[in-house]
Amino acid sequence: AEECAMHSGSGVRRGHAGMREFLAWAHDGVRECP
């Protein structure tokens, strides 16, 4: 959702912009495969 939020041990990210910023950092040089 546009107004989404992600809560984890490292903090809270809000909205698409927050998710985009977090995933760009988390996946910089690392592939994450569930």
Full PDB file with SEQRES, HELIX, SHEET, SSBOND, CRYST1, ORIGX, SCALE, CONECT and MASTER records, all heavy atoms in Angstrom:
SEQRES   1 A   34  ALA GLU GLU CYS ALA MET HIS SER GLY SER GLY VAL ARG          
SEQRES   2 A   34  ARG GLY HIS ALA GLY MET ARG GLU PHE LEU ALA TRP ALA          
SEQRES   3 A   34  HIS ASP GLY VAL ARG GLU CYS PRO                              
HELIX    1 AA1 GLY A   15  ALA A   26  1                                  12    
SHEET    1 AA1 2 ALA A   5  SER A   8  0                                        
SHEET    2 AA1 2 GLY A  11  ARG A  14 -1                                        
CRYST1    1.000    1.000    1.000  90.00  90.00  90.00 P 1           1          
ORIGX1      1.000000  0.000000  0.000000        0.00000                         
ORIGX2      0.000000  1.000000  0.000000        0.00000                         
ORIGX3      0.000000  0.000000  1.000000        0.00000                         
SCALE1      1.000000  0.000000  0.000000        0.00000                         
SCALE2      0.000000  1.000000  0.000000        0.00000                         
SCALE3      0.000000  0.000000  1.000000        0.00000                         
ATOM      1  N   ALA A   1       0.848  -1.197   0.000  1.00  0.00           N  
ATOM      2  CA  ALA A   1       0.000   0.000   0.000  1.00  0.00           C  
ATOM      3  C   ALA A   1       0.881   1.244   0.000  1.00  0.00           C  
ATOM      4  O   ALA A   1       2.007   1.231   0.508  1.00  0.00           O  
ATOM      5  CB  ALA A   1      -0.909  -0.006   1.227  1.00  0.00           C  
ATOM      6  N   GLU A   2       0.341   2.327  -0.547  1.00  0.00           N  
ATOM      7  CA  GLU A   2       1.100   3.586  -0.600  1.00  0.00           C  
ATOM      8  C   GLU A   2       1.532   4.040   0.792  1.00  0.00           C  
ATOM      9  O   GLU A   2       2.635   4.529   0.992  1.00  0.00           O  
ATOM     10  CB  GLU A   2       0.255   4.678  -1.262  1.00  0.00           C  
ATOM     11  CG  GLU A   2       0.062   4.512  -2.761  1.00  0.00           C  
ATOM     12  CD  GLU A   2       1.288   4.892  -3.566  1.00  0.00           C  
ATOM     13  OE1 GLU A   2       2.216   5.485  -2.978  1.00  0.00           O  
ATOM     14  OE2 GLU A   2       1.315   4.592  -4.766  1.00  0.00           O  
ATOM     15  N   GLU A   3       0.660   3.873   1.774  1.00  0.00           N  
ATOM     16  CA  GLU A   3       0.955   4.310   3.146  1.00  0.00           C  
ATOM     17  C   GLU A   3       1.414   3.145   4.011  1.00  0.00           C  
ATOM     18  O   GLU A   3       1.058   3.050   5.187  1.00  0.00           O  
ATOM     19  CB  GLU A   3      -0.287   4.972   3.752  1.00  0.00           C  
ATOM     20  CG  GLU A   3      -0.788   6.174   2.965  1.00  0.00           C  
ATOM     21  CD  GLU A   3       0.294   7.252   2.833  1.00  0.00           C  
ATOM     22  OE1 GLU A   3       1.034   7.474   3.814  1.00  0.00           O  
ATOM     23  OE2 GLU A   3       0.383   7.854   1.751  1.00  0.00           O  
ATOM     24  N   CYS A   4       2.218   2.255   3.456  1.00  0.00           N  
ATOM     25  CA  CYS A   4       2.681   1.088   4.200  1.00  0.00           C  
ATOM     26  C   CYS A   4       3.726   1.481   5.241  1.00  0.00           C  
ATOM     27  O   CYS A   4       4.272   2.592   5.231  1.00  0.00           O  
ATOM     28  CB  CYS A   4       3.258   0.048   3.245  1.00  0.00           C  
ATOM     29  SG  CYS A   4       4.727   0.623   2.347  1.00  0.00           S  
ATOM     30  N   ALA A   5       3.991   0.545   6.133  1.00  0.00           N  
ATOM     31  CA  ALA A   5       5.046   0.728   7.137  1.00  0.00           C  
ATOM     32  C   ALA A   5       5.732  -0.609   7.362  1.00  0.00           C  
ATOM     33  O   ALA A   5       5.082  -1.665   7.359  1.00  0.00           O  
ATOM     34  CB  ALA A   5       4.476   1.258   8.449  1.00  0.00           C  
ATOM     35  N   MET A   6       7.040  -0.560   7.545  1.00  0.00           N  
ATOM     36  CA  MET A   6       7.818  -1.756   7.874  1.00  0.00           C  
ATOM     37  C   MET A   6       8.453  -1.559   9.233  1.00  0.00           C  
ATOM     38  O   MET A   6       9.181  -0.586   9.459  1.00  0.00           O  
ATOM     39  CB  MET A   6       8.896  -2.009   6.822  1.00  0.00           C  
ATOM     40  CG  MET A   6       9.810  -3.176   7.161  1.00  0.00           C  
ATOM     41  SD  MET A   6      11.112  -3.415   5.927  1.00  0.00           S  
ATOM     42  CE  MET A   6      12.101  -4.672   6.746  1.00  0.00           C  
ATOM     43  N   HIS A   7       8.194  -2.503  10.153  1.00  0.00           N  
ATOM     44  CA  HIS A   7       8.740  -2.458  11.504  1.00  0.00           C  
ATOM     45  C   HIS A   7       9.735  -3.611  11.658  1.00  0.00           C  
ATOM     46  O   HIS A   7       9.380  -4.772  11.452  1.00  0.00           O  
ATOM     47  CB  HIS A   7       7.630  -2.607  12.548  1.00  0.00           C  
ATOM     48  CG  HIS A   7       6.613  -1.510  12.507  1.00  0.00           C  
ATOM     49  ND1 HIS A   7       6.591  -0.476  13.425  1.00  0.00           N  
ATOM     50  CD2 HIS A   7       5.569  -1.280  11.669  1.00  0.00           C  
ATOM     51  CE1 HIS A   7       5.584   0.336  13.152  1.00  0.00           C  
ATOM     52  NE2 HIS A   7       4.949  -0.133  12.084  1.00  0.00           N  
ATOM     53  N   SER A   8      10.963  -3.279  12.034  1.00  0.00           N  
ATOM     54  CA  SER A   8      11.980  -4.306  12.267  1.00  0.00           C  
ATOM     55  C   SER A   8      12.881  -3.850  13.398  1.00  0.00           C  
ATOM     56  O   SER A   8      12.715  -2.741  13.934  1.00  0.00           O  
ATOM     57  CB  SER A   8      12.809  -4.543  10.996  1.00  0.00           C  
ATOM     58  OG  SER A   8      13.609  -3.412  10.703  1.00  0.00           O  
ATOM     59  N   GLY A   9      13.835  -4.679  13.756  1.00  0.00           N  
ATOM     60  CA  GLY A   9      14.734  -4.329  14.845  1.00  0.00           C  
ATOM     61  C   GLY A   9      15.573  -3.107  14.573  1.00  0.00           C  
ATOM     62  O   GLY A   9      16.088  -2.473  15.504  1.00  0.00           O  
ATOM     63  N   SER A  10      15.725  -2.750  13.287  1.00  0.00           N  
ATOM     64  CA  SER A  10      16.553  -1.587  12.937  1.00  0.00           C  
ATOM     65  C   SER A  10      15.750  -0.301  12.821  1.00  0.00           C  
ATOM     66  O   SER A  10      16.317   0.755  12.523  1.00  0.00           O  
ATOM     67  CB  SER A  10      17.293  -1.848  11.619  1.00  0.00           C  
ATOM     68  OG  SER A  10      16.378  -2.076  10.562  1.00  0.00           O  
ATOM     69  N   GLY A  11      14.410  -0.373  13.021  1.00  0.00           N  
ATOM     70  CA  GLY A  11      13.618   0.850  12.966  1.00  0.00           C  
ATOM     71  C   GLY A  11      12.349   0.697  12.165  1.00  0.00           C  
ATOM     72  O   GLY A  11      11.925  -0.421  11.834  1.00  0.00           O  
ATOM     73  N   VAL A  12      11.746   1.837  11.811  1.00  0.00           N  
ATOM     74  CA  VAL A  12      10.487   1.868  11.070  1.00  0.00           C  
ATOM     75  C   VAL A  12      10.708   2.620   9.761  1.00  0.00           C  
ATOM     76  O   VAL A  12      11.308   3.700   9.754  1.00  0.00           O  
ATOM     77  CB  VAL A  12       9.371   2.549  11.884  1.00  0.00           C  
ATOM     78  CG1 VAL A  12       8.071   2.592  11.083  1.00  0.00           C  
ATOM     79  CG2 VAL A  12       9.167   1.840  13.217  1.00  0.00           C  
ATOM     80  N   ARG A  13      10.233   2.032   8.664  1.00  0.00           N  
ATOM     81  CA  ARG A  13      10.254   2.705   7.358  1.00  0.00           C  
ATOM     82  C   ARG A  13       8.816   2.892   6.923  1.00  0.00           C  
ATOM     83  O   ARG A  13       7.996   1.976   7.070  1.00  0.00           O  
ATOM     84  CB  ARG A  13      11.004   1.892   6.307  1.00  0.00           C  
ATOM     85  CG  ARG A  13      12.510   1.971   6.442  1.00  0.00           C  
ATOM     86  CD  ARG A  13      13.035   0.965   7.404  1.00  0.00           C  
ATOM     87  NE  ARG A  13      14.473   1.083   7.577  1.00  0.00           N  
ATOM     88  CZ  ARG A  13      15.157   0.351   8.433  1.00  0.00           C  
ATOM     89  NH1 ARG A  13      14.549  -0.561   9.183  1.00  0.00           N  
ATOM     90  NH2 ARG A  13      16.470   0.517   8.550  1.00  0.00           N  
ATOM     91  N   ARG A  14       8.520   4.065   6.342  1.00  0.00           N  
ATOM     92  CA  ARG A  14       7.131   4.381   6.008  1.00  0.00           C  
ATOM     93  C   ARG A  14       6.977   4.720   4.530  1.00  0.00           C  
ATOM     94  O   ARG A  14       7.808   5.432   3.959  1.00  0.00           O  
ATOM     95  CB  ARG A  14       6.645   5.549   6.860  1.00  0.00           C  
ATOM     96  CG  ARG A  14       6.670   5.253   8.352  1.00  0.00           C  
ATOM     97  CD  ARG A  14       5.951   6.305   9.168  1.00  0.00           C  
ATOM     98  NE  ARG A  14       6.072   6.033  10.596  1.00  0.00           N  
ATOM     99  CZ  ARG A  14       5.321   5.163  11.269  1.00  0.00           C  
ATOM    100  NH1 ARG A  14       4.379   4.486  10.626  1.00  0.00           N  
ATOM    101  NH2 ARG A  14       5.500   4.967  12.568  1.00  0.00           N  
ATOM    102  N   GLY A  15       5.898   4.209   3.955  1.00  0.00           N  
ATOM    103  CA  GLY A  15       5.541   4.524   2.581  1.00  0.00           C  
ATOM    104  C   GLY A  15       6.447   3.848   1.570  1.00  0.00           C  
ATOM    105  O   GLY A  15       7.454   3.214   1.906  1.00  0.00           O  
ATOM    106  N   HIS A  16       6.078   4.000   0.306  1.00  0.00           N  
ATOM    107  CA  HIS A  16       6.886   3.418  -0.765  1.00  0.00           C  
ATOM    108  C   HIS A  16       8.301   3.979  -0.758  1.00  0.00           C  
ATOM    109  O   HIS A  16       9.261   3.248  -1.008  1.00  0.00           O  
ATOM    110  CB  HIS A  16       6.221   3.682  -2.116  1.00  0.00           C  
ATOM    111  CG  HIS A  16       5.085   2.761  -2.417  1.00  0.00           C  
ATOM    112  ND1 HIS A  16       4.507   2.668  -3.665  1.00  0.00           N  
ATOM    113  CD2 HIS A  16       4.412   1.864  -1.633  1.00  0.00           C  
ATOM    114  CE1 HIS A  16       3.535   1.766  -3.638  1.00  0.00           C  
ATOM    115  NE2 HIS A  16       3.453   1.277  -2.414  1.00  0.00           N  
ATOM    116  N   ALA A  17       8.442   5.252  -0.465  1.00  0.00           N  
ATOM    117  CA  ALA A  17       9.773   5.857  -0.460  1.00  0.00           C  
ATOM    118  C   ALA A  17      10.653   5.232   0.611  1.00  0.00           C  
ATOM    119  O   ALA A  17      11.836   4.948   0.367  1.00  0.00           O  
ATOM    120  CB  ALA A  17       9.671   7.371  -0.246  1.00  0.00           C  
ATOM    121  N   GLY A  18      10.090   5.023   1.799  1.00  0.00           N  
ATOM    122  CA  GLY A  18      10.858   4.408   2.869  1.00  0.00           C  
ATOM    123  C   GLY A  18      11.249   2.973   2.547  1.00  0.00           C  
ATOM    124  O   GLY A  18      12.385   2.554   2.817  1.00  0.00           O  
ATOM    125  N   MET A  19      10.324   2.207   1.968  1.00  0.00           N  
ATOM    126  CA  MET A  19      10.631   0.834   1.570  1.00  0.00           C  
ATOM    127  C   MET A  19      11.689   0.808   0.482  1.00  0.00           C  
ATOM    128  O   MET A  19      12.623  -0.005   0.515  1.00  0.00           O  
ATOM    129  CB  MET A  19       9.366   0.141   1.070  1.00  0.00           C  
ATOM    130  CG  MET A  19       8.346  -0.171   2.148  1.00  0.00           C  
ATOM    131  SD  MET A  19       8.921  -1.461   3.279  1.00  0.00           S  
ATOM    132  CE  MET A  19       8.979  -2.882   2.193  1.00  0.00           C  
ATOM    133  N   ARG A  20      11.553   1.710  -0.485  1.00  0.00           N  
ATOM    134  CA  ARG A  20      12.508   1.768  -1.587  1.00  0.00           C  
ATOM    135  C   ARG A  20      13.916   2.077  -1.077  1.00  0.00           C  
ATOM    136  O   ARG A  20      14.905   1.441  -1.491  1.00  0.00           O  
ATOM    137  CB  ARG A  20      12.026   2.834  -2.575  1.00  0.00           C  
ATOM    138  CG  ARG A  20      12.718   2.806  -3.925  1.00  0.00           C  
ATOM    139  CD  ARG A  20      12.093   3.833  -4.843  1.00  0.00           C  
ATOM    140  NE  ARG A  20      10.739   3.459  -5.246  1.00  0.00           N  
ATOM    141  CZ  ARG A  20       9.649   4.157  -4.951  1.00  0.00           C  
ATOM    142  NH1 ARG A  20       9.728   5.276  -4.240  1.00  0.00           N  
ATOM    143  NH2 ARG A  20       8.462   3.749  -5.367  1.00  0.00           N  
ATOM    144  N   GLU A  21      14.012   3.037  -0.178  1.00  0.00           N  
ATOM    145  CA  GLU A  21      15.313   3.412   0.383  1.00  0.00           C  
ATOM    146  C   GLU A  21      15.923   2.257   1.175  1.00  0.00           C  
ATOM    147  O   GLU A  21      17.114   1.951   1.045  1.00  0.00           O  
ATOM    148  CB  GLU A  21      15.154   4.637   1.276  1.00  0.00           C  
ATOM    149  CG  GLU A  21      16.461   5.120   1.894  1.00  0.00           C  
ATOM    150  CD  GLU A  21      16.259   6.326   2.783  1.00  0.00           C  
ATOM    151  OE1 GLU A  21      15.097   6.765   2.963  1.00  0.00           O  
ATOM    152  OE2 GLU A  21      17.271   6.837   3.324  1.00  0.00           O  
ATOM    153  N   PHE A  22      15.102   1.591   1.984  1.00  0.00           N  
ATOM    154  CA  PHE A  22      15.611   0.490   2.798  1.00  0.00           C  
ATOM    155  C   PHE A  22      16.087  -0.667   1.925  1.00  0.00           C  
ATOM    156  O   PHE A  22      17.178  -1.217   2.135  1.00  0.00           O  
ATOM    157  CB  PHE A  22      14.533  -0.002   3.761  1.00  0.00           C  
ATOM    158  CG  PHE A  22      14.929  -1.266   4.467  1.00  0.00           C  
ATOM    159  CD1 PHE A  22      15.862  -1.243   5.488  1.00  0.00           C  
ATOM    160  CD2 PHE A  22      14.372  -2.490   4.090  1.00  0.00           C  
ATOM    161  CE1 PHE A  22      16.246  -2.420   6.129  1.00  0.00           C  
ATOM    162  CE2 PHE A  22      14.749  -3.664   4.731  1.00  0.00           C  
ATOM    163  CZ  PHE A  22      15.680  -3.627   5.751  1.00  0.00           C  
ATOM    164  N   LEU A  23      15.281  -1.072   0.953  1.00  0.00           N  
ATOM    165  CA  LEU A  23      15.653  -2.214   0.125  1.00  0.00           C  
ATOM    166  C   LEU A  23      16.869  -1.915  -0.734  1.00  0.00           C  
ATOM    167  O   LEU A  23      17.709  -2.796  -0.969  1.00  0.00           O  
ATOM    168  CB  LEU A  23      14.469  -2.644  -0.738  1.00  0.00           C  
ATOM    169  CG  LEU A  23      13.283  -3.252   0.024  1.00  0.00           C  
ATOM    170  CD1 LEU A  23      12.129  -3.541  -0.920  1.00  0.00           C  
ATOM    171  CD2 LEU A  23      13.697  -4.508   0.780  1.00  0.00           C  
ATOM    172  N   ALA A  24      17.005  -0.673  -1.208  1.00  0.00           N  
ATOM    173  CA  ALA A  24      18.193  -0.310  -1.981  1.00  0.00           C  
ATOM    174  C   ALA A  24      19.448  -0.464  -1.127  1.00  0.00           C  
ATOM    175  O   ALA A  24      20.487  -0.938  -1.609  1.00  0.00           O  
ATOM    176  CB  ALA A  24      18.072   1.121  -2.497  1.00  0.00           C  
ATOM    177  N   TRP A  25      19.347  -0.075   0.145  1.00  0.00           N  
ATOM    178  CA  TRP A  25      20.498  -0.222   1.051  1.00  0.00           C  
ATOM    179  C   TRP A  25      20.737  -1.693   1.380  1.00  0.00           C  
ATOM    180  O   TRP A  25      21.868  -2.190   1.295  1.00  0.00           O  
ATOM    181  CB  TRP A  25      20.247   0.563   2.342  1.00  0.00           C  
ATOM    182  CG  TRP A  25      21.272   0.272   3.394  1.00  0.00           C  
ATOM    183  CD1 TRP A  25      22.527   0.798   3.491  1.00  0.00           C  
ATOM    184  CD2 TRP A  25      21.135  -0.659   4.491  1.00  0.00           C  
ATOM    185  NE1 TRP A  25      23.180   0.264   4.577  1.00  0.00           N  
ATOM    186  CE2 TRP A  25      22.349  -0.633   5.198  1.00  0.00           C  
ATOM    187  CE3 TRP A  25      20.099  -1.486   4.914  1.00  0.00           C  
ATOM    188  CZ2 TRP A  25      22.567  -1.416   6.333  1.00  0.00           C  
ATOM    189  CZ3 TRP A  25      20.305  -2.279   6.041  1.00  0.00           C  
ATOM    190  CH2 TRP A  25      21.522  -2.240   6.731  1.00  0.00           C  
ATOM    191  N   ALA A  26      19.676  -2.423   1.740  1.00  0.00           N  
ATOM    192  CA  ALA A  26      19.827  -3.815   2.161  1.00  0.00           C  
ATOM    193  C   ALA A  26      20.356  -4.697   1.040  1.00  0.00           C  
ATOM    194  O   ALA A  26      21.110  -5.652   1.280  1.00  0.00           O  
ATOM    195  CB  ALA A  26      18.489  -4.361   2.664  1.00  0.00           C  
ATOM    196  N   HIS A  27      19.985  -4.391  -0.199  1.00  0.00           N  
ATOM    197  CA  HIS A  27      20.329  -5.247  -1.331  1.00  0.00           C  
ATOM    198  C   HIS A  27      21.491  -4.713  -2.147  1.00  0.00           C  
ATOM    199  O   HIS A  27      21.753  -5.211  -3.245  1.00  0.00           O  
ATOM    200  CB  HIS A  27      19.089  -5.438  -2.215  1.00  0.00           C  
ATOM    201  CG  HIS A  27      17.968  -6.140  -1.516  1.00  0.00           C  
ATOM    202  ND1 HIS A  27      16.673  -6.142  -1.979  1.00  0.00           N  
ATOM    203  CD2 HIS A  27      17.958  -6.882  -0.371  1.00  0.00           C  
ATOM    204  CE1 HIS A  27      15.917  -6.839  -1.154  1.00  0.00           C  
ATOM    205  NE2 HIS A  27      16.666  -7.289  -0.171  1.00  0.00           N  
ATOM    206  N   ASP A  28      22.202  -3.741  -1.639  1.00  0.00           N  
ATOM    207  CA  ASP A  28      23.390  -3.218  -2.304  1.00  0.00           C  
ATOM    208  C   ASP A  28      24.510  -4.247  -2.192  1.00  0.00           C  
ATOM    209  O   ASP A  28      25.133  -4.402  -1.145  1.00  0.00           O  
ATOM    210  CB  ASP A  28      23.808  -1.901  -1.659  1.00  0.00           C  
ATOM    211  CG  ASP A  28      25.042  -1.291  -2.317  1.00  0.00           C  
ATOM    212  OD1 ASP A  28      25.383  -1.696  -3.453  1.00  0.00           O  
ATOM    213  OD2 ASP A  28      25.678  -0.424  -1.691  1.00  0.00           O  
ATOM    214  N   GLY A  29      24.757  -4.996  -3.276  1.00  0.00           N  
ATOM    215  CA  GLY A  29      25.796  -6.022  -3.263  1.00  0.00           C  
ATOM    216  C   GLY A  29      25.384  -7.313  -2.593  1.00  0.00           C  
ATOM    217  O   GLY A  29      26.232  -8.195  -2.384  1.00  0.00           O  
ATOM    218  N   VAL A  30      24.105  -7.471  -2.268  1.00  0.00           N  
ATOM    219  CA  VAL A  30      23.622  -8.691  -1.609  1.00  0.00           C  
ATOM    220  C   VAL A  30      22.275  -9.088  -2.207  1.00  0.00           C  
ATOM    221  O   VAL A  30      21.355  -8.274  -2.251  1.00  0.00           O  
ATOM    222  CB  VAL A  30      23.466  -8.495  -0.087  1.00  0.00           C  
ATOM    223  CG1 VAL A  30      22.859  -9.737   0.559  1.00  0.00           C  
ATOM    224  CG2 VAL A  30      24.803  -8.163   0.563  1.00  0.00           C  
ATOM    225  N   ARG A  31      22.146 -10.332  -2.660  1.00  0.00           N  
ATOM    226  CA  ARG A  31      20.849 -10.864  -3.081  1.00  0.00           C  
ATOM    227  C   ARG A  31      20.193 -11.537  -1.897  1.00  0.00           C  
ATOM    228  O   ARG A  31      20.804 -12.336  -1.201  1.00  0.00           O  
ATOM    229  CB  ARG A  31      20.999 -11.865  -4.225  1.00  0.00           C  
ATOM    230  CG  ARG A  31      21.049 -11.238  -5.606  1.00  0.00           C  
ATOM    231  CD  ARG A  31      19.762 -10.544  -6.007  1.00  0.00           C  
ATOM    232  NE  ARG A  31      18.597 -11.409  -5.904  1.00  0.00           N  
ATOM    233  CZ  ARG A  31      18.227 -12.280  -6.845  1.00  0.00           C  
ATOM    234  NH1 ARG A  31      18.926 -12.397  -7.953  1.00  0.00           N  
ATOM    235  NH2 ARG A  31      17.149 -13.022  -6.671  1.00  0.00           N  
ATOM    236  N   GLU A  32      18.912 -11.223  -1.685  1.00  0.00           N  
ATOM    237  CA  GLU A  32      18.135 -11.767  -0.587  1.00  0.00           C  
ATOM    238  C   GLU A  32      17.081 -12.703  -1.159  1.00  0.00           C  
ATOM    239  O   GLU A  32      16.270 -12.295  -1.992  1.00  0.00           O  
ATOM    240  CB  GLU A  32      17.470 -10.630   0.194  1.00  0.00           C  
ATOM    241  CG  GLU A  32      16.676 -11.074   1.393  1.00  0.00           C  
ATOM    242  CD  GLU A  32      16.074  -9.912   2.170  1.00  0.00           C  
ATOM    243  OE1 GLU A  32      16.195  -8.753   1.697  1.00  0.00           O  
ATOM    244  OE2 GLU A  32      15.484 -10.156   3.240  1.00  0.00           O  
ATOM    245  N   CYS A  33      17.109 -13.968  -0.730  1.00  0.00           N  
ATOM    246  CA  CYS A  33      16.255 -14.988  -1.329  1.00  0.00           C  
ATOM    247  C   CYS A  33      15.471 -15.730  -0.256  1.00  0.00           C  
ATOM    248  O   CYS A  33      16.038 -16.536   0.503  1.00  0.00           O  
ATOM    249  CB  CYS A  33      17.101 -15.985  -2.118  1.00  0.00           C  
ATOM    250  SG  CYS A  33      18.029 -15.253  -3.483  1.00  0.00           S  
ATOM    251  N   PRO A  34      14.156 -15.478  -0.159  1.00  0.00           N  
ATOM    252  CA  PRO A  34      13.350 -16.153   0.861  1.00  0.00           C  
ATOM    253  C   PRO A  34      12.998 -17.583   0.480  1.00  0.00           C  
ATOM    254  O   PRO A  34      12.692 -17.886  -0.673  1.00  0.00           O  
ATOM    255  CB  PRO A  34      12.098 -15.284   0.931  1.00  0.00           C  
ATOM    256  CG  PRO A  34      11.981 -14.678  -0.434  1.00  0.00           C  
ATOM    257  CD  PRO A  34      13.387 -14.489  -0.921  1.00  0.00           C  
TER     258      PRO A  34                                                      
MASTER        0    0    0    1    2    0    0    6  257    1    0    3          
END                                                                             
